[in-house]
Amino acid sequence: MNKDKLIGLYILWVVVLIIELGWLYTVATGIYQTGTLAFIITLITTTIITGAVGLNLISKFINY
């Protein structure tokens, strides 16, 4: 995998996080159930951890 593909994956990961944070904002500003809010926070945390670990592992295999 080259550096351009890694940058593309990083941008995709950031876009997904922005969408999830927007979803969190819309739920948190309205009337919500605690279970829904906990699910969204857990989803965002999982996305951050999985994306960070995945990008770190992929970046180790880039041919410079």
PDB file of N, CA and C in Angstrom:
ATOM      1  N   MET A   1       0.851  -1.166   0.000  1.00  0.00           N
ATOM      2  CA  MET A   1       0.000   0.000   0.000  1.00  0.00           C
ATOM      3  C   MET A   1       0.901   1.234   0.000  1.00  0.00           C
ATOM      4  N   ASN A   2       0.543   2.201  -0.817  1.00  0.00           N
ATOM      5  CA  ASN A   2       1.373   3.392  -0.879  1.00  0.00           C
ATOM      6  C   ASN A   2       0.811   4.493   0.021  1.00  0.00           C
ATOM      7  N   LYS A   3       1.540   5.573   0.077  1.00  0.00           N
ATOM      8  CA  LYS A   3       1.210   6.664   0.986  1.00  0.00           C
ATOM      9  C   LYS A   3      -0.099   7.352   0.611  1.00  0.00           C
ATOM     10  N   ASP A   4      -0.414   7.436  -0.683  1.00  0.00           N
ATOM     11  CA  ASP A   4      -1.651   8.069  -1.129  1.00  0.00           C
ATOM     12  C   ASP A   4      -2.879   7.302  -0.656  1.00  0.00           C
ATOM     13  N   LYS A   5      -2.806   5.980  -0.686  1.00  0.00           N
ATOM     14  CA  LYS A   5      -3.929   5.173  -0.208  1.00  0.00           C
ATOM     15  C   LYS A   5      -4.117   5.334   1.296  1.00  0.00           C
ATOM     16  N   LEU A   6      -3.016   5.442   2.022  1.00  0.00           N
ATOM     17  CA  LEU A   6      -3.109   5.642   3.464  1.00  0.00           C
ATOM     18  C   LEU A   6      -3.752   6.987   3.785  1.00  0.00           C
ATOM     19  N   ILE A   7      -3.397   8.009   3.037  1.00  0.00           N
ATOM     20  CA  ILE A   7      -3.998   9.325   3.236  1.00  0.00           C
ATOM     21  C   ILE A   7      -5.494   9.268   2.912  1.00  0.00           C
ATOM     22  N   GLY A   8      -5.862   8.535   1.879  1.00  0.00           N
ATOM     23  CA  GLY A   8      -7.270   8.360   1.536  1.00  0.00           C
ATOM     24  C   GLY A   8      -8.046   7.662   2.635  1.00  0.00           C
ATOM     25  N   LEU A   9      -7.449   6.623   3.219  1.00  0.00           N
ATOM     26  CA  LEU A   9      -8.096   5.929   4.331  1.00  0.00           C
ATOM     27  C   LEU A   9      -8.240   6.834   5.544  1.00  0.00           C
ATOM     28  N   TYR A  10      -7.230   7.649   5.792  1.00  0.00           N
ATOM     29  CA  TYR A  10      -7.288   8.577   6.912  1.00  0.00           C
ATOM     30  C   TYR A  10      -8.404   9.601   6.706  1.00  0.00           C
ATOM     31  N   ILE A  11      -8.531  10.127   5.503  1.00  0.00           N
ATOM     32  CA  ILE A  11      -9.585  11.099   5.221  1.00  0.00           C
ATOM     33  C   ILE A  11     -10.961  10.449   5.370  1.00  0.00           C
ATOM     34  N   LEU A  12     -11.111   9.216   4.897  1.00  0.00           N
ATOM     35  CA  LEU A  12     -12.371   8.498   5.060  1.00  0.00           C
ATOM     36  C   LEU A  12     -12.697   8.306   6.536  1.00  0.00           C
ATOM     37  N   TRP A  13     -11.704   7.953   7.328  1.00  0.00           N
ATOM     38  CA  TRP A  13     -11.883   7.755   8.762  1.00  0.00           C
ATOM     39  C   TRP A  13     -12.328   9.057   9.422  1.00  0.00           C
ATOM     40  N   VAL A  14     -11.739  10.172   9.045  1.00  0.00           N
ATOM     41  CA  VAL A  14     -12.114  11.467   9.610  1.00  0.00           C
ATOM     42  C   VAL A  14     -13.550  11.829   9.213  1.00  0.00           C
ATOM     43  N   VAL A  15     -13.938  11.548   7.975  1.00  0.00           N
ATOM     44  CA  VAL A  15     -15.302  11.831   7.532  1.00  0.00           C
ATOM     45  C   VAL A  15     -16.313  11.020   8.340  1.00  0.00           C
ATOM     46  N   VAL A  16     -16.022   9.745   8.573  1.00  0.00           N
ATOM     47  CA  VAL A  16     -16.915   8.908   9.376  1.00  0.00           C
ATOM     48  C   VAL A  16     -17.021   9.463  10.791  1.00  0.00           C
ATOM     49  N   LEU A  17     -15.910   9.886  11.371  1.00  0.00           N
ATOM     50  CA  LEU A  17     -15.949  10.458  12.717  1.00  0.00           C
ATOM     51  C   LEU A  17     -16.761  11.747  12.760  1.00  0.00           C
ATOM     52  N   ILE A  18     -16.643  12.578  11.742  1.00  0.00           N
ATOM     53  CA  ILE A  18     -17.417  13.822  11.700  1.00  0.00           C
ATOM     54  C   ILE A  18     -18.913  13.514  11.626  1.00  0.00           C
ATOM     55  N   ILE A  19     -19.287  12.530  10.827  1.00  0.00           N
ATOM     56  CA  ILE A  19     -20.689  12.135  10.732  1.00  0.00           C
ATOM     57  C   ILE A  19     -21.192  11.625  12.078  1.00  0.00           C
ATOM     58  N   GLU A  20     -20.396  10.794  12.745  1.00  0.00           N
ATOM     59  CA  GLU A  20     -20.794  10.268  14.050  1.00  0.00           C
ATOM     60  C   GLU A  20     -20.891  11.371  15.092  1.00  0.00           C
ATOM     61  N   LEU A  21     -19.976  12.336  15.064  1.00  0.00           N
ATOM     62  CA  LEU A  21     -20.049  13.449  16.015  1.00  0.00           C
ATOM     63  C   LEU A  21     -21.261  14.337  15.733  1.00  0.00           C
ATOM     64  N   GLY A  22     -21.621  14.507  14.469  1.00  0.00           N
ATOM     65  CA  GLY A  22     -22.830  15.237  14.127  1.00  0.00           C
ATOM     66  C   GLY A  22     -24.072  14.527  14.640  1.00  0.00           C
ATOM     67  N   TRP A  23     -24.074  13.212  14.514  1.00  0.00           N
ATOM     68  CA  TRP A  23     -25.178  12.401  15.039  1.00  0.00           C
ATOM     69  C   TRP A  23     -25.260  12.547  16.551  1.00  0.00           C
ATOM     70  N   LEU A  24     -24.121  12.503  17.225  1.00  0.00           N
ATOM     71  CA  LEU A  24     -24.089  12.683  18.675  1.00  0.00           C
ATOM     72  C   LEU A  24     -24.636  14.051  19.060  1.00  0.00           C
ATOM     73  N   TYR A  25     -24.264  15.077  18.329  1.00  0.00           N
ATOM     74  CA  TYR A  25     -24.733  16.429  18.630  1.00  0.00           C
ATOM     75  C   TYR A  25     -26.250  16.536  18.474  1.00  0.00           C
ATOM     76  N   THR A  26     -26.789  15.963  17.392  1.00  0.00           N
ATOM     77  CA  THR A  26     -28.236  16.056  17.188  1.00  0.00           C
ATOM     78  C   THR A  26     -29.013  15.277  18.241  1.00  0.00           C
ATOM     79  N   VAL A  27     -28.481  14.161  18.678  1.00  0.00           N
ATOM     80  CA  VAL A  27     -29.159  13.382  19.711  1.00  0.00           C
ATOM     81  C   VAL A  27     -29.033  14.072  21.066  1.00  0.00           C
ATOM     82  N   ALA A  28     -27.859  14.608  21.369  1.00  0.00           N
ATOM     83  CA  ALA A  28     -27.617  15.201  22.683  1.00  0.00           C
ATOM     84  C   ALA A  28     -28.366  16.516  22.874  1.00  0.00           C
ATOM     85  N   THR A  29     -28.651  17.246  21.808  1.00  0.00           N
ATOM     86  CA  THR A  29     -29.342  18.520  21.960  1.00  0.00           C
ATOM     87  C   THR A  29     -30.853  18.359  22.039  1.00  0.00           C
ATOM     88  N   GLY A  30     -31.365  17.220  21.656  1.00  0.00           N
ATOM     89  CA  GLY A  30     -32.799  16.987  21.712  1.00  0.00           C
ATOM     90  C   GLY A  30     -33.154  16.102  22.897  1.00  0.00           C
ATOM     91  N   ILE A  31     -34.367  15.620  22.871  1.00  0.00           N
ATOM     92  CA  ILE A  31     -34.801  14.672  23.904  1.00  0.00           C
ATOM     93  C   ILE A  31     -34.258  13.303  23.509  1.00  0.00           C
ATOM     94  N   TYR A  32     -33.555  12.681  24.417  1.00  0.00           N
ATOM     95  CA  TYR A  32     -32.908  11.420  24.095  1.00  0.00           C
ATOM     96  C   TYR A  32     -33.048  10.440  25.254  1.00  0.00           C
ATOM     97  N   GLN A  33     -32.799   9.199  24.942  1.00  0.00           N
ATOM     98  CA  GLN A  33     -32.748   8.160  25.961  1.00  0.00           C
ATOM     99  C   GLN A  33     -31.283   7.890  26.278  1.00  0.00           C
ATOM    100  N   THR A  34     -31.028   7.528  27.499  1.00  0.00           N
ATOM    101  CA  THR A  34     -29.652   7.290  27.932  1.00  0.00           C
ATOM    102  C   THR A  34     -29.012   6.149  27.141  1.00  0.00           C
ATOM    103  N   GLY A  35     -29.772   5.126  26.814  1.00  0.00           N
ATOM    104  CA  GLY A  35     -29.244   3.996  26.054  1.00  0.00           C
ATOM    105  C   GLY A  35     -28.774   4.402  24.673  1.00  0.00           C
ATOM    106  N   THR A  36     -29.524   5.285  24.027  1.00  0.00           N
ATOM    107  CA  THR A  36     -29.138   5.760  22.698  1.00  0.00           C
ATOM    108  C   THR A  36     -27.844   6.553  22.767  1.00  0.00           C
ATOM    109  N   LEU A  37     -27.744   7.429  23.750  1.00  0.00           N
ATOM    110  CA  LEU A  37     -26.538   8.239  23.900  1.00  0.00           C
ATOM    111  C   LEU A  37     -25.330   7.357  24.225  1.00  0.00           C
ATOM    112  N   ALA A  38     -25.521   6.359  25.078  1.00  0.00           N
ATOM    113  CA  ALA A  38     -24.423   5.444  25.416  1.00  0.00           C
ATOM    114  C   ALA A  38     -23.972   4.654  24.193  1.00  0.00           C
ATOM    115  N   PHE A  39     -24.934   4.252  23.348  1.00  0.00           N
ATOM    116  CA  PHE A  39     -24.591   3.522  22.127  1.00  0.00           C
ATOM    117  C   PHE A  39     -23.754   4.386  21.193  1.00  0.00           C
ATOM    118  N   ILE A  40     -24.142   5.634  21.014  1.00  0.00           N
ATOM    119  CA  ILE A  40     -23.415   6.525  20.103  1.00  0.00           C
ATOM    120  C   ILE A  40     -21.999   6.789  20.625  1.00  0.00           C
ATOM    121  N   ILE A  41     -21.865   7.025  21.918  1.00  0.00           N
ATOM    122  CA  ILE A  41     -20.535   7.267  22.498  1.00  0.00           C
ATOM    123  C   ILE A  41     -19.664   6.026  22.355  1.00  0.00           C
ATOM    124  N   THR A  42     -20.249   4.852  22.581  1.00  0.00           N
ATOM    125  CA  THR A  42     -19.503   3.601  22.411  1.00  0.00           C
ATOM    126  C   THR A  42     -19.092   3.407  20.956  1.00  0.00           C
ATOM    127  N   LEU A  43     -19.975   3.729  20.020  1.00  0.00           N
ATOM    128  CA  LEU A  43     -19.656   3.615  18.602  1.00  0.00           C
ATOM    129  C   LEU A  43     -18.521   4.548  18.203  1.00  0.00           C
ATOM    130  N   ILE A  44     -18.563   5.780  18.680  1.00  0.00           N
ATOM    131  CA  ILE A  44     -17.498   6.736  18.363  1.00  0.00           C
ATOM    132  C   ILE A  44     -16.167   6.277  18.948  1.00  0.00           C
ATOM    133  N   THR A  45     -16.186   5.797  20.185  1.00  0.00           N
ATOM    134  CA  THR A  45     -14.957   5.304  20.817  1.00  0.00           C
ATOM    135  C   THR A  45     -14.383   4.118  20.049  1.00  0.00           C
ATOM    136  N   THR A  46     -15.242   3.201  19.658  1.00  0.00           N
ATOM    137  CA  THR A  46     -14.792   2.041  18.891  1.00  0.00           C
ATOM    138  C   THR A  46     -14.218   2.460  17.543  1.00  0.00           C
ATOM    139  N   THR A  47     -14.849   3.427  16.891  1.00  0.00           N
ATOM    140  CA  THR A  47     -14.344   3.914  15.603  1.00  0.00           C
ATOM    141  C   THR A  47     -12.976   4.557  15.755  1.00  0.00           C
ATOM    142  N   ILE A  48     -12.804   5.346  16.802  1.00  0.00           N
ATOM    143  CA  ILE A  48     -11.510   6.000  17.029  1.00  0.00           C
ATOM    144  C   ILE A  48     -10.417   4.959  17.272  1.00  0.00           C
ATOM    145  N   ILE A  49     -10.693   4.000  18.133  1.00  0.00           N
ATOM    146  CA  ILE A  49      -9.676   2.994  18.474  1.00  0.00           C
ATOM    147  C   ILE A  49      -9.357   2.117  17.270  1.00  0.00           C
ATOM    148  N   THR A  50     -10.378   1.617  16.600  1.00  0.00           N
ATOM    149  CA  THR A  50     -10.159   0.749  15.442  1.00  0.00           C
ATOM    150  C   THR A  50      -9.433   1.485  14.315  1.00  0.00           C
ATOM    151  N   GLY A  51      -9.836   2.719  14.044  1.00  0.00           N
ATOM    152  CA  GLY A  51      -9.181   3.495  12.997  1.00  0.00           C
ATOM    153  C   GLY A  51      -7.737   3.808  13.318  1.00  0.00           C
ATOM    154  N   ALA A  52      -7.476   4.185  14.560  1.00  0.00           N
ATOM    155  CA  ALA A  52      -6.104   4.521  14.950  1.00  0.00           C
ATOM    156  C   ALA A  52      -5.189   3.298  14.871  1.00  0.00           C
ATOM    157  N   VAL A  53      -5.661   2.177  15.380  1.00  0.00           N
ATOM    158  CA  VAL A  53      -4.848   0.960  15.340  1.00  0.00           C
ATOM    159  C   VAL A  53      -4.661   0.491  13.895  1.00  0.00           C
ATOM    160  N   GLY A  54      -5.734   0.535  13.111  1.00  0.00           N
ATOM    161  CA  GLY A  54      -5.636   0.108  11.716  1.00  0.00           C
ATOM    162  C   GLY A  54      -4.685   0.963  10.915  1.00  0.00           C
ATOM    163  N   LEU A  55      -4.791   2.283  11.054  1.00  0.00           N
ATOM    164  CA  LEU A  55      -3.889   3.174  10.328  1.00  0.00           C
ATOM    165  C   LEU A  55      -2.443   2.994  10.790  1.00  0.00           C
ATOM    166  N   ASN A  56      -2.253   2.750  12.068  1.00  0.00           N
ATOM    167  CA  ASN A  56      -0.899   2.520  12.583  1.00  0.00           C
ATOM    168  C   ASN A  56      -0.307   1.241  11.996  1.00  0.00           C
ATOM    169  N   LEU A  57      -1.101   0.176  11.950  1.00  0.00           N
ATOM    170  CA  LEU A  57      -0.602  -1.084  11.398  1.00  0.00           C
ATOM    171  C   LEU A  57      -0.361  -0.978   9.895  1.00  0.00           C
ATOM    172  N   ILE A  58      -1.262  -0.318   9.188  1.00  0.00           N
ATOM    173  CA  ILE A  58      -1.093  -0.166   7.738  1.00  0.00           C
ATOM    174  C   ILE A  58       0.132   0.681   7.423  1.00  0.00           C
ATOM    175  N   SER A  59       0.363   1.732   8.221  1.00  0.00           N
ATOM    176  CA  SER A  59       1.484   2.620   7.947  1.00  0.00           C
ATOM    177  C   SER A  59       2.832   1.920   8.111  1.00  0.00           C
ATOM    178  N   LYS A  60       2.867   0.860   8.869  1.00  0.00           N
ATOM    179  CA  LYS A  60       4.128   0.110   9.034  1.00  0.00           C
ATOM    180  C   LYS A  60       4.494  -0.682   7.792  1.00  0.00           C
ATOM    181  N   PHE A  61       3.532  -0.913   6.906  1.00  0.00           N
ATOM    182  CA  PHE A  61       3.783  -1.703   5.709  1.00  0.00           C
ATOM    183  C   PHE A  61       3.926  -0.855   4.457  1.00  0.00           C
ATOM    184  N   ILE A  62       3.992   0.464   4.607  1.00  0.00           N
ATOM    185  CA  ILE A  62       4.135   1.336   3.449  1.00  0.00           C
ATOM    186  C   ILE A  62       5.576   1.258   2.947  1.00  0.00           C
ATOM    187  N   ASN A  63       5.722   1.157   1.653  1.00  0.00           N
ATOM    188  CA  ASN A  63       7.047   1.163   1.033  1.00  0.00           C
ATOM    189  C   ASN A  63       7.436   2.597   0.739  1.00  0.00           C
ATOM    190  N   TYR A  64       8.475   3.080   1.368  1.00  0.00           N
ATOM    191  CA  TYR A  64       8.900   4.459   1.159  1.00  0.00           C
ATOM    192  C   TYR A  64       9.905   4.528   0.028  1.00  0.00           C
TER     193      TYR A  64
END
